[in-house]
Amino acid sequence: MGEIPFEEALKQLEVIVSRLERGDLPLEEALSVFEEGVRLTKLCSARLGEAERRVNILTRSVESVPRELEERPFEEEGEEEL
């Protein structure tokens, strides 16, 4: 079975926090639920770290483009500039 999507992991983590905050779980079950919460926290943290890394790479590549370049609309064949 593959990794669950970030959003699903976050939803599951919210449910776990809610269950633990109620304080009505037996000790062994609370420990088991807590362990699952730790696993999901690590998964979410890793996914966020990867997203941040990708954003940093994209930001650096945009910043490295010389400032004199400007964006122009794509001209189709046969179109003339106005």
PDB file of N, CA and C in Angstrom:
ATOM      1  N   MET A   1       0.846  -1.189   0.000  1.00  0.00           N
ATOM      2  CA  MET A   1       0.000   0.000   0.000  1.00  0.00           C
ATOM      3  C   MET A   1       0.880   1.237   0.000  1.00  0.00           C
ATOM      4  N   GLY A   2       0.577   2.224  -0.866  1.00  0.00           N
ATOM      5  CA  GLY A   2       1.385   3.435  -0.981  1.00  0.00           C
ATOM      6  C   GLY A   2       1.120   4.401   0.159  1.00  0.00           C
ATOM      7  N   GLU A   3       1.915   5.441   0.194  1.00  0.00           N
ATOM      8  CA  GLU A   3       1.756   6.481   1.196  1.00  0.00           C
ATOM      9  C   GLU A   3       0.442   7.221   0.972  1.00  0.00           C
ATOM     10  N   ILE A   4      -0.164   7.661   2.060  1.00  0.00           N
ATOM     11  CA  ILE A   4      -1.413   8.408   1.940  1.00  0.00           C
ATOM     12  C   ILE A   4      -1.105   9.857   1.573  1.00  0.00           C
ATOM     13  N   PRO A   5      -2.035  10.537   0.905  1.00  0.00           N
ATOM     14  CA  PRO A   5      -1.822  11.946   0.550  1.00  0.00           C
ATOM     15  C   PRO A   5      -1.680  12.814   1.802  1.00  0.00           C
ATOM     16  N   PHE A   6      -0.990  13.930   1.663  1.00  0.00           N
ATOM     17  CA  PHE A   6      -0.749  14.848   2.773  1.00  0.00           C
ATOM     18  C   PHE A   6      -2.051  15.252   3.450  1.00  0.00           C
ATOM     19  N   GLU A   7      -3.036  15.627   2.669  1.00  0.00           N
ATOM     20  CA  GLU A   7      -4.307  16.105   3.222  1.00  0.00           C
ATOM     21  C   GLU A   7      -4.986  15.038   4.066  1.00  0.00           C
ATOM     22  N   GLU A   8      -4.947  13.791   3.612  1.00  0.00           N
ATOM     23  CA  GLU A   8      -5.549  12.689   4.364  1.00  0.00           C
ATOM     24  C   GLU A   8      -4.777  12.447   5.659  1.00  0.00           C
ATOM     25  N   ALA A   9      -3.462  12.508   5.600  1.00  0.00           N
ATOM     26  CA  ALA A   9      -2.641  12.328   6.798  1.00  0.00           C
ATOM     27  C   ALA A   9      -2.959  13.416   7.817  1.00  0.00           C
ATOM     28  N   LEU A  10      -3.141  14.638   7.350  1.00  0.00           N
ATOM     29  CA  LEU A  10      -3.463  15.743   8.244  1.00  0.00           C
ATOM     30  C   LEU A  10      -4.828  15.543   8.897  1.00  0.00           C
ATOM     31  N   LYS A  11      -5.811  15.079   8.133  1.00  0.00           N
ATOM     32  CA  LYS A  11      -7.141  14.802   8.693  1.00  0.00           C
ATOM     33  C   LYS A  11      -7.055  13.716   9.764  1.00  0.00           C
ATOM     34  N   GLN A  12      -6.298  12.650   9.465  1.00  0.00           N
ATOM     35  CA  GLN A  12      -6.145  11.567  10.444  1.00  0.00           C
ATOM     36  C   GLN A  12      -5.450  12.066  11.704  1.00  0.00           C
ATOM     37  N   LEU A  13      -4.483  12.935  11.525  1.00  0.00           N
ATOM     38  CA  LEU A  13      -3.775  13.500  12.667  1.00  0.00           C
ATOM     39  C   LEU A  13      -4.711  14.345  13.534  1.00  0.00           C
ATOM     40  N   GLU A  14      -5.589  15.090  12.910  1.00  0.00           N
ATOM     41  CA  GLU A  14      -6.571  15.891  13.662  1.00  0.00           C
ATOM     42  C   GLU A  14      -7.496  14.989  14.490  1.00  0.00           C
ATOM     43  N   VAL A  15      -7.907  13.869  13.914  1.00  0.00           N
ATOM     44  CA  VAL A  15      -8.762  12.920  14.637  1.00  0.00           C
ATOM     45  C   VAL A  15      -8.005  12.342  15.837  1.00  0.00           C
ATOM     46  N   ILE A  16      -6.748  12.003  15.633  1.00  0.00           N
ATOM     47  CA  ILE A  16      -5.925  11.441  16.704  1.00  0.00           C
ATOM     48  C   ILE A  16      -5.771  12.436  17.848  1.00  0.00           C
ATOM     49  N   VAL A  17      -5.479  13.686  17.505  1.00  0.00           N
ATOM     50  CA  VAL A  17      -5.326  14.710  18.544  1.00  0.00           C
ATOM     51  C   VAL A  17      -6.618  14.851  19.330  1.00  0.00           C
ATOM     52  N   SER A  18      -7.725  14.867  18.637  1.00  0.00           N
ATOM     53  CA  SER A  18      -9.030  14.983  19.295  1.00  0.00           C
ATOM     54  C   SER A  18      -9.274  13.807  20.248  1.00  0.00           C
ATOM     55  N   ARG A  19      -8.972  12.601  19.781  1.00  0.00           N
ATOM     56  CA  ARG A  19      -9.157  11.411  20.631  1.00  0.00           C
ATOM     57  C   ARG A  19      -8.273  11.469  21.868  1.00  0.00           C
ATOM     58  N   LEU A  20      -7.032  11.881  21.703  1.00  0.00           N
ATOM     59  CA  LEU A  20      -6.113  11.952  22.834  1.00  0.00           C
ATOM     60  C   LEU A  20      -6.503  13.062  23.810  1.00  0.00           C
ATOM     61  N   GLU A  21      -7.008  14.166  23.285  1.00  0.00           N
ATOM     62  CA  GLU A  21      -7.415  15.275  24.149  1.00  0.00           C
ATOM     63  C   GLU A  21      -8.609  14.924  25.023  1.00  0.00           C
ATOM     64  N   ARG A  22      -9.471  14.032  24.549  1.00  0.00           N
ATOM     65  CA  ARG A  22     -10.618  13.613  25.367  1.00  0.00           C
ATOM     66  C   ARG A  22     -10.161  12.916  26.641  1.00  0.00           C
ATOM     67  N   GLY A  23      -9.050  12.203  26.553  1.00  0.00           N
ATOM     68  CA  GLY A  23      -8.480  11.558  27.736  1.00  0.00           C
ATOM     69  C   GLY A  23      -9.219  10.321  28.223  1.00  0.00           C
ATOM     70  N   ASP A  24     -10.042   9.717  27.381  1.00  0.00           N
ATOM     71  CA  ASP A  24     -10.828   8.563  27.831  1.00  0.00           C
ATOM     72  C   ASP A  24     -10.323   7.226  27.282  1.00  0.00           C
ATOM     73  N   LEU A  25      -9.156   7.226  26.640  1.00  0.00           N
ATOM     74  CA  LEU A  25      -8.606   5.991  26.084  1.00  0.00           C
ATOM     75  C   LEU A  25      -7.817   5.235  27.149  1.00  0.00           C
ATOM     76  N   PRO A  26      -7.917   3.916  27.148  1.00  0.00           N
ATOM     77  CA  PRO A  26      -7.049   3.132  28.025  1.00  0.00           C
ATOM     78  C   PRO A  26      -5.588   3.378  27.644  1.00  0.00           C
ATOM     79  N   LEU A  27      -4.686   3.199  28.578  1.00  0.00           N
ATOM     80  CA  LEU A  27      -3.288   3.526  28.387  1.00  0.00           C
ATOM     81  C   LEU A  27      -2.695   2.894  27.127  1.00  0.00           C
ATOM     82  N   GLU A  28      -2.857   1.604  26.948  1.00  0.00           N
ATOM     83  CA  GLU A  28      -2.262   0.921  25.787  1.00  0.00           C
ATOM     84  C   GLU A  28      -2.811   1.458  24.474  1.00  0.00           C
ATOM     85  N   GLU A  29      -4.111   1.706  24.439  1.00  0.00           N
ATOM     86  CA  GLU A  29      -4.708   2.249  23.217  1.00  0.00           C
ATOM     87  C   GLU A  29      -4.220   3.679  22.973  1.00  0.00           C
ATOM     88  N   ALA A  30      -4.107   4.465  24.040  1.00  0.00           N
ATOM     89  CA  ALA A  30      -3.608   5.835  23.920  1.00  0.00           C
ATOM     90  C   ALA A  30      -2.179   5.835  23.376  1.00  0.00           C
ATOM     91  N   LEU A  31      -1.357   4.904  23.863  1.00  0.00           N
ATOM     92  CA  LEU A  31       0.018   4.805  23.362  1.00  0.00           C
ATOM     93  C   LEU A  31       0.049   4.430  21.885  1.00  0.00           C
ATOM     94  N   SER A  32      -0.793   3.502  21.512  1.00  0.00           N
ATOM     95  CA  SER A  32      -0.867   3.075  20.119  1.00  0.00           C
ATOM     96  C   SER A  32      -1.319   4.220  19.216  1.00  0.00           C
ATOM     97  N   VAL A  33      -2.342   4.947  19.659  1.00  0.00           N
ATOM     98  CA  VAL A  33      -2.854   6.085  18.897  1.00  0.00           C
ATOM     99  C   VAL A  33      -1.780   7.174  18.818  1.00  0.00           C
ATOM    100  N   PHE A  34      -1.073   7.392  19.925  1.00  0.00           N
ATOM    101  CA  PHE A  34       0.001   8.384  19.946  1.00  0.00           C
ATOM    102  C   PHE A  34       1.104   8.010  18.957  1.00  0.00           C
ATOM    103  N   GLU A  35       1.474   6.743  18.921  1.00  0.00           N
ATOM    104  CA  GLU A  35       2.498   6.278  17.975  1.00  0.00           C
ATOM    105  C   GLU A  35       2.082   6.539  16.535  1.00  0.00           C
ATOM    106  N   GLU A  36       0.817   6.287  16.242  1.00  0.00           N
ATOM    107  CA  GLU A  36       0.313   6.565  14.889  1.00  0.00           C
ATOM    108  C   GLU A  36       0.378   8.064  14.602  1.00  0.00           C
ATOM    109  N   GLY A  37       0.079   8.870  15.600  1.00  0.00           N
ATOM    110  CA  GLY A  37       0.169  10.319  15.456  1.00  0.00           C
ATOM    111  C   GLY A  37       1.594  10.772  15.153  1.00  0.00           C
ATOM    112  N   VAL A  38       2.559  10.167  15.825  1.00  0.00           N
ATOM    113  CA  VAL A  38       3.964  10.498  15.578  1.00  0.00           C
ATOM    114  C   VAL A  38       4.341  10.130  14.144  1.00  0.00           C
ATOM    115  N   ARG A  39       3.901   8.951  13.701  1.00  0.00           N
ATOM    116  CA  ARG A  39       4.190   8.522  12.329  1.00  0.00           C
ATOM    117  C   ARG A  39       3.598   9.501  11.316  1.00  0.00           C
ATOM    118  N   LEU A  40       2.354   9.915  11.538  1.00  0.00           N
ATOM    119  CA  LEU A  40       1.701  10.849  10.620  1.00  0.00           C
ATOM    120  C   LEU A  40       2.365  12.225  10.662  1.00  0.00           C
ATOM    121  N   THR A  41       2.809  12.636  11.852  1.00  0.00           N
ATOM    122  CA  THR A  41       3.502  13.917  11.985  1.00  0.00           C
ATOM    123  C   THR A  41       4.789  13.915  11.175  1.00  0.00           C
ATOM    124  N   LYS A  42       5.528  12.825  11.253  1.00  0.00           N
ATOM    125  CA  LYS A  42       6.772  12.716  10.477  1.00  0.00           C
ATOM    126  C   LYS A  42       6.481  12.737   8.987  1.00  0.00           C
ATOM    127  N   LEU A  43       5.439  12.037   8.574  1.00  0.00           N
ATOM    128  CA  LEU A  43       5.063  12.007   7.164  1.00  0.00           C
ATOM    129  C   LEU A  43       4.705  13.410   6.674  1.00  0.00           C
ATOM    130  N   CYS A  44       3.867  14.121   7.438  1.00  0.00           N
ATOM    131  CA  CYS A  44       3.465  15.481   7.049  1.00  0.00           C
ATOM    132  C   CYS A  44       4.668  16.415   7.023  1.00  0.00           C
ATOM    133  N   SER A  45       5.525  16.299   8.007  1.00  0.00           N
ATOM    134  CA  SER A  45       6.712  17.139   8.072  1.00  0.00           C
ATOM    135  C   SER A  45       7.623  16.907   6.862  1.00  0.00           C
ATOM    136  N   ALA A  46       7.802  15.650   6.486  1.00  0.00           N
ATOM    137  CA  ALA A  46       8.629  15.327   5.325  1.00  0.00           C
ATOM    138  C   ALA A  46       8.020  15.886   4.047  1.00  0.00           C
ATOM    139  N   ARG A  47       6.704  15.769   3.913  1.00  0.00           N
ATOM    140  CA  ARG A  47       6.034  16.291   2.711  1.00  0.00           C
ATOM    141  C   ARG A  47       6.144  17.809   2.646  1.00  0.00           C
ATOM    142  N   LEU A  48       5.985  18.487   3.791  1.00  0.00           N
ATOM    143  CA  LEU A  48       6.110  19.939   3.810  1.00  0.00           C
ATOM    144  C   LEU A  48       7.548  20.362   3.501  1.00  0.00           C
ATOM    145  N   GLY A  49       8.510  19.623   4.021  1.00  0.00           N
ATOM    146  CA  GLY A  49       9.910  19.910   3.741  1.00  0.00           C
ATOM    147  C   GLY A  49      10.215  19.785   2.265  1.00  0.00           C
ATOM    148  N   GLU A  50       9.678  18.761   1.633  1.00  0.00           N
ATOM    149  CA  GLU A  50       9.869  18.555   0.191  1.00  0.00           C
ATOM    150  C   GLU A  50       9.212  19.689  -0.595  1.00  0.00           C
ATOM    151  N   ALA A  51       8.021  20.088  -0.193  1.00  0.00           N
ATOM    152  CA  ALA A  51       7.336  21.193  -0.879  1.00  0.00           C
ATOM    153  C   ALA A  51       8.141  22.485  -0.732  1.00  0.00           C
ATOM    154  N   GLU A  52       8.667  22.740   0.456  1.00  0.00           N
ATOM    155  CA  GLU A  52       9.476  23.938   0.679  1.00  0.00           C
ATOM    156  C   GLU A  52      10.739  23.909  -0.187  1.00  0.00           C
ATOM    157  N   ARG A  53      11.371  22.751  -0.282  1.00  0.00           N
ATOM    158  CA  ARG A  53      12.569  22.613  -1.102  1.00  0.00           C
ATOM    159  C   ARG A  53      12.256  22.930  -2.566  1.00  0.00           C
ATOM    160  N   ARG A  54      11.140  22.415  -3.056  1.00  0.00           N
ATOM    161  CA  ARG A  54      10.754  22.653  -4.448  1.00  0.00           C
ATOM    162  C   ARG A  54      10.454  24.131  -4.700  1.00  0.00           C
ATOM    163  N   VAL A  55       9.766  24.779  -3.749  1.00  0.00           N
ATOM    164  CA  VAL A  55       9.466  26.203  -3.886  1.00  0.00           C
ATOM    165  C   VAL A  55      10.764  27.006  -3.903  1.00  0.00           C
ATOM    166  N   ASN A  56      11.711  26.656  -3.035  1.00  0.00           N
ATOM    167  CA  ASN A  56      13.000  27.357  -3.005  1.00  0.00           C
ATOM    168  C   ASN A  56      13.740  27.214  -4.328  1.00  0.00           C
ATOM    169  N   ILE A  57      13.725  26.024  -4.902  1.00  0.00           N
ATOM    170  CA  ILE A  57      14.383  25.807  -6.194  1.00  0.00           C
ATOM    171  C   ILE A  57      13.722  26.658  -7.269  1.00  0.00           C
ATOM    172  N   LEU A  58      12.401  26.676  -7.296  1.00  0.00           N
ATOM    173  CA  LEU A  58      11.686  27.473  -8.299  1.00  0.00           C
ATOM    174  C   LEU A  58      11.936  28.961  -8.097  1.00  0.00           C
ATOM    175  N   THR A  59      11.952  29.393  -6.857  1.00  0.00           N
ATOM    176  CA  THR A  59      12.184  30.807  -6.565  1.00  0.00           C
ATOM    177  C   THR A  59      13.577  31.225  -6.996  1.00  0.00           C
ATOM    178  N   ARG A  60      14.572  30.389  -6.700  1.00  0.00           N
ATOM    179  CA  ARG A  60      15.944  30.715  -7.105  1.00  0.00           C
ATOM    180  C   ARG A  60      16.064  30.775  -8.616  1.00  0.00           C
ATOM    181  N   SER A  61      15.408  29.856  -9.323  1.00  0.00           N
ATOM    182  CA  SER A  61      15.528  29.854 -10.783  1.00  0.00           C
ATOM    183  C   SER A  61      14.870  31.090 -11.383  1.00  0.00           C
ATOM    184  N   VAL A  62      13.800  31.576 -10.792  1.00  0.00           N
ATOM    185  CA  VAL A  62      13.141  32.791 -11.279  1.00  0.00           C
ATOM    186  C   VAL A  62      14.006  34.000 -10.969  1.00  0.00           C
ATOM    187  N   GLU A  63      14.608  34.030  -9.779  1.00  0.00           N
ATOM    188  CA  GLU A  63      15.442  35.162  -9.389  1.00  0.00           C
ATOM    189  C   GLU A  63      16.729  35.236 -10.203  1.00  0.00           C
ATOM    190  N   SER A  64      17.184  34.130 -10.739  1.00  0.00           N
ATOM    191  CA  SER A  64      18.442  34.128 -11.478  1.00  0.00           C
ATOM    192  C   SER A  64      18.290  34.625 -12.917  1.00  0.00           C
ATOM    193  N   VAL A  65      17.058  34.795 -13.359  1.00  0.00           N
ATOM    194  CA  VAL A  65      16.820  35.298 -14.720  1.00  0.00           C
ATOM    195  C   VAL A  65      17.144  36.788 -14.730  1.00  0.00           C
ATOM    196  N   PRO A  66      17.914  37.259 -15.727  1.00  0.00           N
ATOM    197  CA  PRO A  66      18.252  38.686 -15.789  1.00  0.00           C
ATOM    198  C   PRO A  66      17.005  39.565 -15.799  1.00  0.00           C
ATOM    199  N   ARG A  67      17.099  40.700 -15.139  1.00  0.00           N
ATOM    200  CA  ARG A  67      15.950  41.618 -15.008  1.00  0.00           C
ATOM    201  C   ARG A  67      15.520  42.244 -16.329  1.00  0.00           C
ATOM    202  N   GLU A  68      16.421  42.315 -17.319  1.00  0.00           N
ATOM    203  CA  GLU A  68      16.049  42.974 -18.568  1.00  0.00           C
ATOM    204  C   GLU A  68      15.079  42.147 -19.413  1.00  0.00           C
ATOM    205  N   LEU A  69      14.890  40.887 -19.057  1.00  0.00           N
ATOM    206  CA  LEU A  69      13.917  40.078 -19.792  1.00  0.00           C
ATOM    207  C   LEU A  69      12.515  40.508 -19.395  1.00  0.00           C
ATOM    208  N   GLU A  70      11.624  40.519 -20.349  1.00  0.00           N
ATOM    209  CA  GLU A  70      10.248  40.863 -20.048  1.00  0.00           C
ATOM    210  C   GLU A  70       9.318  39.816 -20.641  1.00  0.00           C
ATOM    211  N   GLU A  71       8.177  39.702 -20.046  1.00  0.00           N
ATOM    212  CA  GLU A  71       7.199  38.728 -20.500  1.00  0.00           C
ATOM    213  C   GLU A  71       6.401  39.325 -21.655  1.00  0.00           C
ATOM    214  N   ARG A  72       6.240  38.526 -22.704  1.00  0.00           N
ATOM    215  CA  ARG A  72       5.446  38.946 -23.851  1.00  0.00           C
ATOM    216  C   ARG A  72       4.468  37.841 -24.203  1.00  0.00           C
ATOM    217  N   PRO A  73       3.299  38.210 -24.701  1.00  0.00           N
ATOM    218  CA  PRO A  73       2.353  37.169 -25.106  1.00  0.00           C
ATOM    219  C   PRO A  73       2.882  36.400 -26.305  1.00  0.00           C
ATOM    220  N   PHE A  74       2.527  35.148 -26.380  1.00  0.00           N
ATOM    221  CA  PHE A  74       2.926  34.301 -27.495  1.00  0.00           C
ATOM    222  C   PHE A  74       2.194  34.756 -28.747  1.00  0.00           C
ATOM    223  N   GLU A  75       2.929  34.931 -29.835  1.00  0.00           N
ATOM    224  CA  GLU A  75       2.325  35.334 -31.095  1.00  0.00           C
ATOM    225  C   GLU A  75       2.201  34.118 -31.995  1.00  0.00           C
ATOM    226  N   GLU A  76       1.008  33.871 -32.460  1.00  0.00           N
ATOM    227  CA  GLU A  76       0.804  32.750 -33.364  1.00  0.00           C
ATOM    228  C   GLU A  76       1.310  33.121 -34.743  1.00  0.00           C
ATOM    229  N   GLU A  77       1.590  32.116 -35.548  1.00  0.00           N
ATOM    230  CA  GLU A  77       2.095  32.329 -36.897  1.00  0.00           C
ATOM    231  C   GLU A  77       1.140  33.216 -37.670  1.00  0.00           C
ATOM    232  N   GLY A  78       1.679  34.215 -38.365  1.00  0.00           N
ATOM    233  CA  GLY A  78       0.842  35.096 -39.153  1.00  0.00           C
ATOM    234  C   GLY A  78       0.359  36.317 -38.386  1.00  0.00           C
ATOM    235  N   GLU A  79       0.465  36.318 -37.063  1.00  0.00           N
ATOM    236  CA  GLU A  79       0.071  37.483 -36.267  1.00  0.00           C
ATOM    237  C   GLU A  79       1.180  38.485 -36.272  1.00  0.00           C
ATOM    238  N   GLU A  80       0.817  39.739 -36.287  1.00  0.00           N
ATOM    239  CA  GLU A  80       1.832  40.801 -36.239  1.00  0.00           C
ATOM    240  C   GLU A  80       1.675  41.545 -34.928  1.00  0.00           C
ATOM    241  N   GLU A  81       2.811  42.094 -34.448  1.00  0.00           N
ATOM    242  CA  GLU A  81       2.781  42.895 -33.250  1.00  0.00           C
ATOM    243  C   GLU A  81       2.075  44.200 -33.540  1.00  0.00           C
ATOM    244  N   LEU A  82       1.275  44.675 -32.583  1.00  0.00           N
ATOM    245  CA  LEU A  82       0.578  45.952 -32.756  1.00  0.00           C
ATOM    246  C   LEU A  82       1.384  47.070 -32.196  1.00  0.00           C
TER     247      LEU A  82
END
